Structure formats: structure tokens, C-alpha cells
Amino acid sequence: MNARELEKSFIMQTYTRNNLTLIRGKGTRVWDDSGREYLDFVGGIAVCNLGHCHEAVTKAICEQAGLLMHTSNLYYTEPQGELARFLTEHSFADRVFFCNSGAEANEAAIKLARKYSLGRRGGGHHRIVVTYKSFHGRTMMTLAATGQDKVKVGFQPIPEGFVFVPFNDLNAADVAMDESVCAFLVEPIQGEGGVNLPSPNYLRELKNLCRQREALLIFDEVQVGMGRTGTLFAYQNYGVEPDIMTLAKGIANGLPMGAMLATEEVAAAFTPGSHASTFGGTPLVSSAALSVFRELVRGDVLENCRAMGARLEQGLGRIKERRTDVVEVRGKGLIWAMEMNRDCQPILERAQGAGLLINRVQEKVLRFTPPLTVRVSEVDTMLNILESVLDEP
């Protein structure tokens, strides 16, 4: 049986898959089971930030796999400790909790915010303000925090404790943040919501509002952290530091990992037994993540991200100027969206037929998240293919 037949026969049908079986990748390219090559501007959904099979990451994985892969968190391991030091030295945070995914990182952030508030302010301050069009995960609690009704269908009753406001609306946030609120959870840039960017002062004013109301500010950087916006973390673009931040996706370049970071004061609310993860921060994934961070902080990857992001922005902008079916182009670094006035699924299929992998969000929004190592020629090739498939009926 081939991969398609195996999936149809034995895997739960929770995904609408493209008609493509991928077997190999290198850099910004992947190959299918017939040997055909594709230019990958999906990047595992903003996961393979250093590209497929990056030499430093592959070496780190192989070396650690030959030493020690898993011990649980009953014991100390050097890769985990080194990774935590690296994260805190390059961010606002003082402490890190490791887990396995973005949903788990956000779940941990929600628990930490509630526990911190309970200890500091007593009971009755447990609600969290979140935004419409957000996406925070698919566990029941992070599903409840997600501002998209379509992902909640069939799972009622949904846990309570969240208040929804429009993204980028400070007045709505001000009204929502009453005495019952302990935190504001927001993506600095909404990824699954359509690559929606904040206004210049939105995040800074949110921080001020949180301070006034004795609430914590939580940044979900699961998709836009790890260099995706041209800085190591997205918050660094906006001159504001959160109290808690969550990471996943690109943190280990393809191995499943998540992290929740916090200041010393907030992190102290978690004591032994407060929260745990059997697989969180194993030596294997921590070694992979360490290799990713070392590549990112050297500078050339982030510099390339900014340069190629500018080139992508210019190219998408030129396409918009020549067409009437493009509503808007928006993004930062190497996460970009092209909003159309029509369903984008046929465009994805034609692009795949032409050797280009892209994806869509919100049905009418094309999204581009290539590896941060993408080259000039690859950006230009993508733009040429995109323009050609947009012209097809």
C-alpha cells in the first residue's frame, strides 16, 4: 500500500491533504515519490525556519541520538539547561517551561496566569481577554481561547473564562478588562487569522492597560517567533515586552517542541507539582533547538529574512498593482499574506502543478512562509509562478 492508501485505511480523517506524497527535502526544496521537485513556501507551516535538513540541526540530532534521547524530567540534562539559558539570555524572560507543542505552551501560559493572579490578588480574577480571528491551539482550553467559531463546532460545551474583543481595538480591550480579568492573550501578528498586523502602538498600549488593571500580558509567538519576522522574537519589533511568551513551530526546525517563557516574578507561581510534561525538553529536541538558536543569533539568517521579506513584499505589491482580484498584501519578515476576492483553493492546486507549494488561511488568503534561508532566485521564481497561476482561469 502506498502512503495515500495507508492514510485512507488507518489514519483518522482529520486532515484535508493535498494530493502529494513528500519523501525528501533540502533547503527550500522538497521532492515527491515520483522524484518531482517543488519550491516550498509553506515550510511545514512556519516550522522549518532553517530549511529542510539543515546541516547543523541534522548533526545535532544525530549526535544526541547516539548519546541520550529521553530521561523524563525526573533528572537533570545538560541540553535542556543550556537551551533554557540561551532562551533567557536572548529574551525578556528569566524562566522557561518546556513542552511539546504550541497548544501545550499556551495551555501552560493560561494556567500560570491564573495561578499567579490567585496568589497575588485572590480569587475572582481568572478570566482572560483574547481576540477574534486568533488561533491558540486545539486542546479544549486553547480551543476556548481561539477566536474562530469554525474550530469549535462539535465540541460543546466549550470551557468558559475567556472574553473576546476585536484585534487592534484598544477601546474594546479597555472595556473588557474589568476586575475579573487576570491576563490578555494575543498574537503579536495573527497568523491563522490571515497575517493581521497590529497598529504601531497597539501592543505597547495593551501593556500599559494590563499594568493599570494588574493583569498579565501574554504573547503567543508560536507562529511568528524564532526569527520569522526578522527579529529573534516578534515582540522586539514593537518595543514592548510581555510577562509571558509562548513558542513552538520553528523552535526545533521540525522536531515537536514548545516553550513557555516568563519573568521571574510570574514564573514563581509555578512550584513543584503545579505543571509537568513527560516529554517536555528532552535531550534530543533540546539539542536540535540549541542548534537552531545558534544559527539564528549569528545574524546572517535574520538579515536574510529581512532582505528576502522586503523582496517578497515588493514582488507581491507589484502583482497587486496589476490585478483587480487582489484585495491586500500584508506581512512582516517572511510571513506574508495576499488576500484575494475569491476562493484560493484552485490557485493552490495550480501552483502545486507548477512546482510551488503555498497554503491558504481564511479561504481567501494566500500565505507565504518559506524558510528564513530562502534565496533571491527562489523568491523570484515563486513570484513568477504565482503570477502565472493567478492568470489562469
Foldseek 3Di string as FASTA:
>chain_A
DDPVVCCVPPNPPPDDDDPFAWDDWDFQWTATPVGDIFGEQCLVPLFQQRTPPDPLLVVLLVVVVVPFFADFPPDDDVLLVVLQVLVVVQAVFDGKWKAFAQLVQVVVVLLLLQLLCCVPPNPQARAEEEEALAQRDLDLQSVLRYNDCVSCPPPPPGDDRYHYDHPQDVVRVLVPLDLNHAEYEYECFGALSFRHHHDQCRVVVVVVSCVVNNHFYEYECQNPACLQQLDNGPVVVRPDHGQKYKYFRHQLSPGGMIMIGGYPSSVVSDDVPSDGYRNTRTSSSSSSSVSSSVVVVVPPLSVLLQVLVVVLQVLVVVLVVVDDQWDDWDHGRFKIKTFGNAFCVQLQVQLVVVRYHWDAHPRRITIGRTHSPDDPVSSVVSSVSSSVSVPDD
